[in-house]
Amino acid sequence: MLLILTVLAASGCLERQAPAAEEEESTVDAGVETVAAKLLERELLVEPEGVPEILQIDEDYLDKMKEKYPAIYEGVEAGSYEVKFRNLLVIYDHEKDEIKKQYVLKSIEIGG
């Protein structure tokens, strides 16, 4: 099961989104808040822009992404978190409290 959660990081504060199910509240929200808070304390390649999308990577998602983007997802383990800001992609291992990979994202305009 893919777990995609969005959190808002503004002025160092995090705002929780309502949980989908009551029993998930304690584990899901705490994990996402912890991931977001720890990343915001780190020195990242660039200042993150926008609201991050946080996804805990499972085996199925990892297999698909390794096929599509092998250079990015090679060496990534299931259970890690993919945190995508408008301008930054971070692969974070919450258990080891380590940023595994970071990529600056750039928008390009094609055509006229």
C-alpha atoms as a PDB file:
ATOM      1  CA  MET A   1       0.000   0.000   0.000  1.00  0.00           C
ATOM      2  CA  LEU A   2       1.382   3.360  -0.966  1.00  0.00           C
ATOM      3  CA  LEU A   3       1.036   5.990   1.656  1.00  0.00           C
ATOM      4  CA  ILE A   4       1.067   9.501   0.293  1.00  0.00           C
ATOM      5  CA  LEU A   5       0.646  12.284   2.779  1.00  0.00           C
ATOM      6  CA  THR A   6       0.989  15.981   2.386  1.00  0.00           C
ATOM      7  CA  VAL A   7       2.149  18.236   5.169  1.00  0.00           C
ATOM      8  CA  LEU A   8       2.450  21.973   5.282  1.00  0.00           C
ATOM      9  CA  ALA A   9       5.708  23.446   6.508  1.00  0.00           C
ATOM     10  CA  ALA A  10       5.376  27.127   7.252  1.00  0.00           C
ATOM     11  CA  SER A  11       7.566  29.154   9.566  1.00  0.00           C
ATOM     12  CA  GLY A  12       9.020  25.982  11.037  1.00  0.00           C
ATOM     13  CA  CYS A  13       5.580  24.718  12.067  1.00  0.00           C
ATOM     14  CA  LEU A  14       3.835  21.691  10.633  1.00  0.00           C
ATOM     15  CA  GLU A  15       0.114  21.431  10.098  1.00  0.00           C
ATOM     16  CA  ARG A  16      -1.399  17.955  10.172  1.00  0.00           C
ATOM     17  CA  GLN A  17      -3.832  16.748   7.549  1.00  0.00           C
ATOM     18  CA  ALA A  18      -6.844  14.816   8.869  1.00  0.00           C
ATOM     19  CA  PRO A  19      -6.080  11.066   8.941  1.00  0.00           C
ATOM     20  CA  ALA A  20      -8.044   8.763   6.654  1.00  0.00           C
ATOM     21  CA  ALA A  21      -8.832   6.334   9.461  1.00  0.00           C
ATOM     22  CA  GLU A  22      -8.934   6.963  13.196  1.00  0.00           C
ATOM     23  CA  GLU A  23      -6.569   4.082  14.080  1.00  0.00           C
ATOM     24  CA  GLU A  24      -3.873   5.383  11.719  1.00  0.00           C
ATOM     25  CA  GLU A  25      -3.633   8.764  13.401  1.00  0.00           C
ATOM     26  CA  SER A  26      -0.994   8.016  16.021  1.00  0.00           C
ATOM     27  CA  THR A  27       1.518   6.165  13.818  1.00  0.00           C
ATOM     28  CA  VAL A  28       1.040   7.800  10.426  1.00  0.00           C
ATOM     29  CA  ASP A  29       0.914  11.440  11.534  1.00  0.00           C
ATOM     30  CA  ALA A  30       3.768  11.034  13.991  1.00  0.00           C
ATOM     31  CA  GLY A  31       5.988   9.430  11.342  1.00  0.00           C
ATOM     32  CA  VAL A  32       5.260  12.024   8.679  1.00  0.00           C
ATOM     33  CA  GLU A  33       5.678  14.913  11.085  1.00  0.00           C
ATOM     34  CA  THR A  34       8.974  13.465  12.286  1.00  0.00           C
ATOM     35  CA  VAL A  35      10.277  13.006   8.727  1.00  0.00           C
ATOM     36  CA  ALA A  36       9.265  16.534   7.711  1.00  0.00           C
ATOM     37  CA  ALA A  37      10.639  18.112  10.888  1.00  0.00           C
ATOM     38  CA  LYS A  38      13.978  16.290  10.632  1.00  0.00           C
ATOM     39  CA  LEU A  39      14.435  17.256   6.984  1.00  0.00           C
ATOM     40  CA  LEU A  40      13.683  20.908   7.689  1.00  0.00           C
ATOM     41  CA  GLU A  41      16.465  20.881  10.316  1.00  0.00           C
ATOM     42  CA  ARG A  42      19.012  19.534   7.803  1.00  0.00           C
ATOM     43  CA  GLU A  43      21.274  21.336   5.413  1.00  0.00           C
ATOM     44  CA  LEU A  44      19.718  20.581   2.049  1.00  0.00           C
ATOM     45  CA  LEU A  45      21.085  21.302  -1.414  1.00  0.00           C
ATOM     46  CA  VAL A  46      18.617  24.182  -1.850  1.00  0.00           C
ATOM     47  CA  GLU A  47      15.981  25.925   0.261  1.00  0.00           C
ATOM     48  CA  PRO A  48      12.832  23.774  -0.171  1.00  0.00           C
ATOM     49  CA  GLU A  49       9.905  25.445  -1.943  1.00  0.00           C
ATOM     50  CA  GLY A  50       6.246  24.562  -1.647  1.00  0.00           C
ATOM     51  CA  VAL A  51       4.353  21.934   0.304  1.00  0.00           C
ATOM     52  CA  PRO A  52       6.189  18.598   0.377  1.00  0.00           C
ATOM     53  CA  GLU A  53       4.603  15.340  -0.730  1.00  0.00           C
ATOM     54  CA  ILE A  54       5.837  12.571   1.555  1.00  0.00           C
ATOM     55  CA  LEU A  55       5.610   8.950   0.495  1.00  0.00           C
ATOM     56  CA  GLN A  56       6.869   5.915   2.375  1.00  0.00           C
ATOM     57  CA  ILE A  57       8.380   3.707  -0.303  1.00  0.00           C
ATOM     58  CA  ASP A  58       7.126   0.130  -0.487  1.00  0.00           C
ATOM     59  CA  GLU A  59       8.543  -2.762  -2.583  1.00  0.00           C
ATOM     60  CA  ASP A  60       6.078  -2.373  -5.496  1.00  0.00           C
ATOM     61  CA  TYR A  61       6.689   1.356  -5.851  1.00  0.00           C
ATOM     62  CA  LEU A  62      10.447   0.858  -5.529  1.00  0.00           C
ATOM     63  CA  ASP A  63      10.484  -1.778  -8.286  1.00  0.00           C
ATOM     64  CA  LYS A  64       8.543   0.509 -10.656  1.00  0.00           C
ATOM     65  CA  MET A  65      10.755   3.510  -9.926  1.00  0.00           C
ATOM     66  CA  LYS A  66      13.981   1.503 -10.320  1.00  0.00           C
ATOM     67  CA  GLU A  67      12.811   0.510 -13.803  1.00  0.00           C
ATOM     68  CA  LYS A  68      11.808   4.061 -14.707  1.00  0.00           C
ATOM     69  CA  TYR A  69      14.633   5.991 -12.958  1.00  0.00           C
ATOM     70  CA  PRO A  70      17.435   3.543 -12.124  1.00  0.00           C
ATOM     71  CA  ALA A  71      20.045   6.214 -11.348  1.00  0.00           C
ATOM     72  CA  ILE A  72      17.806   7.839  -8.739  1.00  0.00           C
ATOM     73  CA  TYR A  73      16.402   4.769  -7.005  1.00  0.00           C
ATOM     74  CA  GLU A  74      19.406   2.430  -7.141  1.00  0.00           C
ATOM     75  CA  GLY A  75      20.416   1.556  -3.573  1.00  0.00           C
ATOM     76  CA  VAL A  76      17.187   2.890  -2.071  1.00  0.00           C
ATOM     77  CA  GLU A  77      15.507   0.532   0.407  1.00  0.00           C
ATOM     78  CA  ALA A  78      11.811  -0.072   0.944  1.00  0.00           C
ATOM     79  CA  GLY A  79      10.656   1.745   4.066  1.00  0.00           C
ATOM     80  CA  SER A  80      12.607   4.886   3.154  1.00  0.00           C
ATOM     81  CA  TYR A  81      10.720   8.094   2.498  1.00  0.00           C
ATOM     82  CA  GLU A  82      10.505  10.039  -0.746  1.00  0.00           C
ATOM     83  CA  VAL A  83       9.998  13.715   0.059  1.00  0.00           C
ATOM     84  CA  LYS A  84       9.238  15.865  -2.964  1.00  0.00           C
ATOM     85  CA  PHE A  85       9.171  19.646  -2.797  1.00  0.00           C
ATOM     86  CA  ARG A  86       8.544  21.841  -5.861  1.00  0.00           C
ATOM     87  CA  ASN A  87      12.320  22.192  -6.322  1.00  0.00           C
ATOM     88  CA  LEU A  88      13.865  19.264  -4.431  1.00  0.00           C
ATOM     89  CA  LEU A  89      13.570  15.475  -4.205  1.00  0.00           C
ATOM     90  CA  VAL A  90      14.969  13.857  -1.059  1.00  0.00           C
ATOM     91  CA  ILE A  91      15.254  10.136  -0.272  1.00  0.00           C
ATOM     92  CA  TYR A  92      15.375   9.830   3.514  1.00  0.00           C
ATOM     93  CA  ASP A  93      15.971   6.770   5.714  1.00  0.00           C
ATOM     94  CA  HIS A  94      13.958   7.526   8.844  1.00  0.00           C
ATOM     95  CA  GLU A  95      15.271   4.531  10.829  1.00  0.00           C
ATOM     96  CA  LYS A  96      18.914   5.535  10.302  1.00  0.00           C
ATOM     97  CA  ASP A  97      18.084   9.261  10.310  1.00  0.00           C
ATOM     98  CA  GLU A  98      20.042   9.710   7.079  1.00  0.00           C
ATOM     99  CA  ILE A  99      19.441  11.569   3.869  1.00  0.00           C
ATOM    100  CA  LYS A 100      20.328   8.974   1.256  1.00  0.00           C
ATOM    101  CA  LYS A 101      19.942  11.089  -1.887  1.00  0.00           C
ATOM    102  CA  GLN A 102      18.997  14.628  -2.920  1.00  0.00           C
ATOM    103  CA  TYR A 103      18.157  15.992  -6.350  1.00  0.00           C
ATOM    104  CA  VAL A 104      17.427  19.580  -7.305  1.00  0.00           C
ATOM    105  CA  LEU A 105      14.338  19.727  -9.534  1.00  0.00           C
ATOM    106  CA  LYS A 106      14.141  22.332 -12.297  1.00  0.00           C
ATOM    107  CA  SER A 107      11.159  23.234 -14.431  1.00  0.00           C
ATOM    108  CA  ILE A 108      11.876  23.723 -18.094  1.00  0.00           C
ATOM    109  CA  GLU A 109       9.673  25.190 -20.773  1.00  0.00           C
ATOM    110  CA  ILE A 110       9.643  23.332 -24.057  1.00  0.00           C
ATOM    111  CA  GLY A 111       8.623  25.125 -27.202  1.00  0.00           C
ATOM    112  CA  GLY A 112       7.540  28.709 -27.729  1.00  0.00           C
END
